PDB file of N, CA and C in Angstrom:
ATOM      1  N   MET A   1     -14.834  70.699 166.885  1.00  0.00           N
ATOM      2  CA  MET A   1     -13.765  70.673 166.643  1.00  0.00           C
ATOM      3  C   MET A   1     -12.610  71.073 167.398  1.00  0.00           C
ATOM      4  N   LYS A   2     -11.706  70.356 167.204  1.00  0.00           N
ATOM      5  CA  LYS A   2     -10.604  71.009 168.524  1.00  0.00           C
ATOM      6  C   LYS A   2     -10.184  71.961 168.367  1.00  0.00           C
ATOM      7  N   LYS A   3      -9.952  73.317 169.084  1.00  0.00           N
ATOM      8  CA  LYS A   3      -9.048  74.574 168.465  1.00  0.00           C
ATOM      9  C   LYS A   3      -7.202  74.468 168.773  1.00  0.00           C
ATOM     10  N   HIS A   4      -6.658  74.769 167.624  1.00  0.00           N
ATOM     11  CA  HIS A   4      -5.496  74.712 167.515  1.00  0.00           C
ATOM     12  C   HIS A   4      -4.661  75.670 168.243  1.00  0.00           C
ATOM     13  N   THR A   5      -3.555  75.604 169.169  1.00  0.00           N
ATOM     14  CA  THR A   5      -3.078  76.662 169.464  1.00  0.00           C
ATOM     15  C   THR A   5      -1.155  76.655 169.040  1.00  0.00           C
ATOM     16  N   SER A   6      -0.399  77.430 169.739  1.00  0.00           N
ATOM     17  CA  SER A   6       1.183  77.304 169.126  1.00  0.00           C
ATOM     18  C   SER A   6       1.202  75.827 169.907  1.00  0.00           C
ATOM     19  N   LYS A   7       0.716  75.387 171.267  1.00  0.00           N
ATOM     20  CA  LYS A   7       0.924  73.872 171.673  1.00  0.00           C
ATOM     21  C   LYS A   7       0.701  73.247 171.242  1.00  0.00           C
ATOM     22  N   SER A   8       0.067  73.051 170.211  1.00  0.00           N
ATOM     23  CA  SER A   8      -0.585  71.812 169.428  1.00  0.00           C
ATOM     24  C   SER A   8       0.650  71.014 168.726  1.00  0.00           C
ATOM     25  N   LYS A   9       0.525  69.406 168.806  1.00  0.00           N
ATOM     26  CA  LYS A   9       1.191  69.125 168.814  1.00  0.00           C
ATOM     27  C   LYS A   9       0.788  68.470 167.093  1.00  0.00           C
ATOM     28  N   ILE A  10       1.836  68.446 166.055  1.00  0.00           N
ATOM     29  CA  ILE A  10       1.995  68.196 164.344  1.00  0.00           C
ATOM     30  C   ILE A  10       0.673  66.992 164.280  1.00  0.00           C
ATOM     31  N   SER A  11       0.973  65.867 165.003  1.00  0.00           N
ATOM     32  CA  SER A  11       0.359  64.497 165.250  1.00  0.00           C
ATOM     33  C   SER A  11      -1.580  64.920 165.651  1.00  0.00           C
ATOM     34  N   ASP A  12      -1.564  65.507 166.557  1.00  0.00           N
ATOM     35  CA  ASP A  12      -3.036  65.975 166.506  1.00  0.00           C
ATOM     36  C   ASP A  12      -3.895  67.080 165.422  1.00  0.00           C
ATOM     37  N   ILE A  13      -3.082  67.707 165.396  1.00  0.00           N
ATOM     38  CA  ILE A  13      -3.236  68.657 164.075  1.00  0.00           C
ATOM     39  C   ILE A  13      -3.567  68.005 162.952  1.00  0.00           C
ATOM     40  N   LEU A  14      -3.320  66.767 162.557  1.00  0.00           N
ATOM     41  CA  LEU A  14      -2.616  66.217 161.297  1.00  0.00           C
ATOM     42  C   LEU A  14      -3.786  64.900 161.631  1.00  0.00           C
ATOM     43  N   GLU A  15      -4.743  64.948 162.907  1.00  0.00           N
ATOM     44  CA  GLU A  15      -6.118  64.187 163.042  1.00  0.00           C
ATOM     45  C   GLU A  15      -6.949  64.075 161.659  1.00  0.00           C
ATOM     46  N   ASN A  16      -7.097  65.733 161.468  1.00  0.00           N
ATOM     47  CA  ASN A  16      -8.220  66.442 160.477  1.00  0.00           C
ATOM     48  C   ASN A  16      -7.320  65.826 159.547  1.00  0.00           C
ATOM     49  N   PRO A  17      -7.631  65.556 157.955  1.00  0.00           N
ATOM     50  CA  PRO A  17      -6.962  64.692 156.835  1.00  0.00           C
ATOM     51  C   PRO A  17      -6.673  66.178 155.970  1.00  0.00           C
ATOM     52  N   ASN A  18      -7.568  66.865 156.723  1.00  0.00           N
ATOM     53  CA  ASN A  18      -7.790  68.166 155.800  1.00  0.00           C
ATOM     54  C   ASN A  18      -7.090  69.582 155.700  1.00  0.00           C
ATOM     55  N   ASN A  19      -5.781  69.723 157.357  1.00  0.00           N
ATOM     56  CA  ASN A  19      -4.728  70.011 157.898  1.00  0.00           C
ATOM     57  C   ASN A  19      -3.706  69.765 156.768  1.00  0.00           C
ATOM     58  N   ASN A  20      -3.601  68.626 156.100  1.00  0.00           N
ATOM     59  CA  ASN A  20      -2.731  68.193 155.807  1.00  0.00           C
ATOM     60  C   ASN A  20      -2.435  69.398 154.701  1.00  0.00           C
ATOM     61  N   ALA A  21      -3.217  69.520 153.627  1.00  0.00           N
ATOM     62  CA  ALA A  21      -2.767  70.743 152.563  1.00  0.00           C
ATOM     63  C   ALA A  21      -2.628  72.163 153.313  1.00  0.00           C
ATOM     64  N   ILE A  22      -2.939  72.310 154.320  1.00  0.00           N
ATOM     65  CA  ILE A  22      -2.936  73.617 154.503  1.00  0.00           C
ATOM     66  C   ILE A  22      -1.580  73.662 155.398  1.00  0.00           C
ATOM     67  N   LEU A  23      -1.033  72.926 156.133  1.00  0.00           N
ATOM     68  CA  LEU A  23       0.492  72.419 156.589  1.00  0.00           C
ATOM     69  C   LEU A  23       1.632  72.532 155.151  1.00  0.00           C
ATOM     70  N   LYS A  24       1.134  72.049 154.101  1.00  0.00           N
ATOM     71  CA  LYS A  24       1.782  72.208 153.110  1.00  0.00           C
ATOM     72  C   LYS A  24       2.022  73.370 152.216  1.00  0.00           C
ATOM     73  N   LYS A  25       0.457  74.089 152.394  1.00  0.00           N
ATOM     74  CA  LYS A  25       0.357  76.076 151.965  1.00  0.00           C
ATOM     75  C   LYS A  25       1.385  76.761 152.426  1.00  0.00           C
ATOM     76  N   TYR A  26       1.467  76.598 154.068  1.00  0.00           N
ATOM     77  CA  TYR A  26       2.767  77.669 154.780  1.00  0.00           C
ATOM     78  C   TYR A  26       4.207  76.468 154.895  1.00  0.00           C
ATOM     79  N   HIS A  27       4.341  75.429 154.375  1.00  0.00           N
ATOM     80  CA  HIS A  27       5.865  75.384 153.655  1.00  0.00           C
ATOM     81  C   HIS A  27       6.049  74.288 155.308  1.00  0.00           C
ATOM     82  N   VAL A  28       5.957  73.672 155.988  1.00  0.00           N
ATOM     83  CA  VAL A  28       5.844  72.740 157.043  1.00  0.00           C
ATOM     84  C   VAL A  28       6.728  72.038 156.583  1.00  0.00           C
ATOM     85  N   PRO A  29       8.082  71.906 157.089  1.00  0.00           N
ATOM     86  CA  PRO A  29       8.799  70.657 156.166  1.00  0.00           C
ATOM     87  C   PRO A  29       8.936  69.664 157.379  1.00  0.00           C
ATOM     88  N   CYS A  30       8.063  69.375 158.198  1.00  0.00           N
ATOM     89  CA  CYS A  30       7.881  67.974 158.822  1.00  0.00           C
ATOM     90  C   CYS A  30       7.012  67.482 158.209  1.00  0.00           C
ATOM     91  N   LEU A  31       6.544  67.450 157.213  1.00  0.00           N
ATOM     92  CA  LEU A  31       5.963  66.169 156.709  1.00  0.00           C
ATOM     93  C   LEU A  31       6.631  65.812 156.101  1.00  0.00           C
ATOM     94  N   THR A  32       7.779  65.756 155.592  1.00  0.00           N
ATOM     95  CA  THR A  32       8.704  65.191 154.917  1.00  0.00           C
ATOM     96  C   THR A  32       9.939  64.828 155.333  1.00  0.00           C
ATOM     97  N   CYS A  33      10.322  65.388 156.411  1.00  0.00           N
ATOM     98  CA  CYS A  33      11.422  65.207 157.145  1.00  0.00           C
ATOM     99  C   CYS A  33      11.526  63.414 157.879  1.00  0.00           C
ATOM    100  N   PRO A  34      12.699  62.894 157.286  1.00  0.00           N
ATOM    101  CA  PRO A  34      13.074  61.538 157.787  1.00  0.00           C
ATOM    102  C   PRO A  34      12.713  61.477 159.446  1.00  0.00           C
ATOM    103  N   TYR A  35      12.894  62.310 160.360  1.00  0.00           N
ATOM    104  CA  TYR A  35      12.503  62.099 161.906  1.00  0.00           C
ATOM    105  C   TYR A  35      11.237  62.296 161.725  1.00  0.00           C
ATOM    106  N   GLU A  36      10.228  62.398 161.097  1.00  0.00           N
ATOM    107  CA  GLU A  36       9.248  62.544 161.502  1.00  0.00           C
ATOM    108  C   GLU A  36       8.481  61.502 162.139  1.00  0.00           C
ATOM    109  N   PRO A  37       8.620  60.642 161.895  1.00  0.00           N
ATOM    110  CA  PRO A  37       7.740  59.191 162.351  1.00  0.00           C
ATOM    111  C   PRO A  37       7.815  59.172 164.073  1.00  0.00           C
ATOM    112  N   MET A  38       9.165  60.094 164.117  1.00  0.00           N
ATOM    113  CA  MET A  38       9.693  59.727 165.505  1.00  0.00           C
ATOM    114  C   MET A  38       9.264  61.726 166.550  1.00  0.00           C
ATOM    115  N   GLU A  39       8.891  62.201 165.781  1.00  0.00           N
ATOM    116  CA  GLU A  39       8.550  63.104 166.091  1.00  0.00           C
ATOM    117  C   GLU A  39       7.309  63.917 165.904  1.00  0.00           C
ATOM    118  N   MET A  40       6.637  63.922 165.323  1.00  0.00           N
ATOM    119  CA  MET A  40       5.270  64.131 165.367  1.00  0.00           C
ATOM    120  C   MET A  40       4.306  64.323 166.803  1.00  0.00           C
ATOM    121  N   THR A  41       4.597  63.304 167.391  1.00  0.00           N
ATOM    122  CA  THR A  41       3.913  63.647 168.636  1.00  0.00           C
ATOM    123  C   THR A  41       4.828  64.035 169.372  1.00  0.00           C
ATOM    124  N   GLU A  42       5.520  64.731 169.677  1.00  0.00           N
ATOM    125  CA  GLU A  42       6.579  65.896 170.637  1.00  0.00           C
ATOM    126  C   GLU A  42       6.621  67.143 169.745  1.00  0.00           C
ATOM    127  N   LEU A  43       6.555  67.462 168.577  1.00  0.00           N
ATOM    128  CA  LEU A  43       6.777  68.780 168.099  1.00  0.00           C
ATOM    129  C   LEU A  43       5.000  69.329 168.506  1.00  0.00           C
ATOM    130  N   GLU A  44       5.803  70.658 168.400  1.00  0.00           N
ATOM    131  CA  GLU A  44       4.668  71.623 168.591  1.00  0.00           C
ATOM    132  C   GLU A  44       4.357  72.961 167.601  1.00  0.00           C
ATOM    133  N   ILE A  45       3.367  72.711 166.696  1.00  0.00           N
ATOM    134  CA  ILE A  45       3.314  73.568 165.719  1.00  0.00           C
ATOM    135  C   ILE A  45       4.248  75.704 166.173  1.00  0.00           C
ATOM    136  N   GLY A  46       3.807  75.695 167.286  1.00  0.00           N
ATOM    137  CA  GLY A  46       4.705  76.870 167.672  1.00  0.00           C
ATOM    138  C   GLY A  46       5.977  76.994 167.589  1.00  0.00           C
ATOM    139  N   LYS A  47       6.681  75.947 167.671  1.00  0.00           N
ATOM    140  CA  LYS A  47       8.197  75.738 167.721  1.00  0.00           C
ATOM    141  C   LYS A  47       8.783  75.838 165.958  1.00  0.00           C
ATOM    142  N   VAL A  48       7.545  74.609 165.534  1.00  0.00           N
ATOM    143  CA  VAL A  48       8.294  74.773 164.246  1.00  0.00           C
ATOM    144  C   VAL A  48       8.096  76.122 163.570  1.00  0.00           C
ATOM    145  N   ALA A  49       7.180  76.709 164.088  1.00  0.00           N
ATOM    146  CA  ALA A  49       6.259  78.095 162.920  1.00  0.00           C
ATOM    147  C   ALA A  49       7.821  78.704 163.371  1.00  0.00           C
ATOM    148  N   LYS A  50       8.575  79.013 164.562  1.00  0.00           N
ATOM    149  CA  LYS A  50       9.533  79.444 164.968  1.00  0.00           C
ATOM    150  C   LYS A  50      10.706  79.663 164.082  1.00  0.00           C
ATOM    151  N   VAL A  51      11.205  78.039 164.421  1.00  0.00           N
ATOM    152  CA  VAL A  51      12.541  78.166 164.162  1.00  0.00           C
ATOM    153  C   VAL A  51      12.235  78.049 162.045  1.00  0.00           C
ATOM    154  N   TYR A  52      11.384  78.125 161.391  1.00  0.00           N
ATOM    155  CA  TYR A  52      11.202  77.514 159.979  1.00  0.00           C
ATOM    156  C   TYR A  52      10.512  79.209 159.939  1.00  0.00           C
ATOM    157  N   GLY A  53      10.278  80.423 160.242  1.00  0.00           N
ATOM    158  CA  GLY A  53       9.794  81.467 160.337  1.00  0.00           C
ATOM    159  C   GLY A  53       8.700  81.796 159.287  1.00  0.00           C
ATOM    160  N   ILE A  54       7.378  80.580 159.852  1.00  0.00           N
ATOM    161  CA  ILE A  54       5.967  80.275 159.398  1.00  0.00           C
ATOM    162  C   ILE A  54       5.319  81.571 160.310  1.00  0.00           C
ATOM    163  N   ASP A  55       4.178  82.081 159.704  1.00  0.00           N
ATOM    164  CA  ASP A  55       3.463  82.685 160.292  1.00  0.00           C
ATOM    165  C   ASP A  55       2.649  82.349 160.879  1.00  0.00           C
ATOM    166  N   LEU A  56       2.476  82.031 162.031  1.00  0.00           N
ATOM    167  CA  LEU A  56       1.946  81.361 162.944  1.00  0.00           C
ATOM    168  C   LEU A  56       0.310  81.571 163.176  1.00  0.00           C
ATOM    169  N   LYS A  57       0.570  83.110 163.625  1.00  0.00           N
ATOM    170  CA  LYS A  57      -1.095  83.839 163.545  1.00  0.00           C
ATOM    171  C   LYS A  57      -1.825  83.349 162.297  1.00  0.00           C
ATOM    172  N   LYS A  58      -1.419  83.636 161.252  1.00  0.00           N
ATOM    173  CA  LYS A  58      -2.386  83.186 159.577  1.00  0.00           C
ATOM    174  C   LYS A  58      -2.323  81.295 159.925  1.00  0.00           C
ATOM    175  N   LEU A  59      -1.013  80.924 159.866  1.00  0.00           N
ATOM    176  CA  LEU A  59      -0.986  79.300 159.909  1.00  0.00           C
ATOM    177  C   LEU A  59      -2.842  79.092 161.272  1.00  0.00           C
ATOM    178  N   LEU A  60      -2.570  79.751 161.926  1.00  0.00           N
ATOM    179  CA  LEU A  60      -3.423  78.822 163.282  1.00  0.00           C
ATOM    180  C   LEU A  60      -4.686  79.184 162.991  1.00  0.00           C
ATOM    181  N   GLU A  61      -5.012  80.854 162.716  1.00  0.00           N
ATOM    182  CA  GLU A  61      -6.465  80.728 161.481  1.00  0.00           C
ATOM    183  C   GLU A  61      -6.569  80.089 161.075  1.00  0.00           C
ATOM    184  N   GLU A  62      -6.350  79.637 160.131  1.00  0.00           N
ATOM    185  CA  GLU A  62      -6.766  78.964 158.887  1.00  0.00           C
ATOM    186  C   GLU A  62      -7.173  77.905 159.390  1.00  0.00           C
ATOM    187  N   LEU A  63      -5.847  76.856 160.369  1.00  0.00           N
ATOM    188  CA  LEU A  63      -6.576  75.547 160.903  1.00  0.00           C
ATOM    189  C   LEU A  63      -7.806  75.647 161.369  1.00  0.00           C
ATOM    190  N   ASN A  64      -7.747  76.585 162.515  1.00  0.00           N
ATOM    191  CA  ASN A  64      -9.235  76.822 163.310  1.00  0.00           C
ATOM    192  C   ASN A  64     -10.203  77.332 162.269  1.00  0.00           C
ATOM    193  N   LYS A  65     -10.397  77.593 161.176  1.00  0.00           N
ATOM    194  CA  LYS A  65     -11.912  77.694 160.190  1.00  0.00           C
ATOM    195  C   LYS A  65     -12.410  76.628 160.521  1.00  0.00           C
ATOM    196  N   LYS A  66     -13.913  76.653 160.180  1.00  0.00           N
ATOM    197  CA  LYS A  66     -14.860  75.925 160.367  1.00  0.00           C
ATOM    198  C   LYS A  66     -15.455  75.465 158.965  1.00  0.00           C
TER     199      LYS A  66
END
């Protein structure tokens, strides 16, 4: 299982279909953004969390649970 960090790209996180629900739980807006197809491979979860005030530590803990 790949460990996610603040540098992980949204597209890499979404390789695991279960992570979609986790991102929705934390209200990551990228999943419904009209620019999503162009940005998913470039956006880092740490930058997204900072811009939108998402608790990155808790999000990463949940994404990295086995």
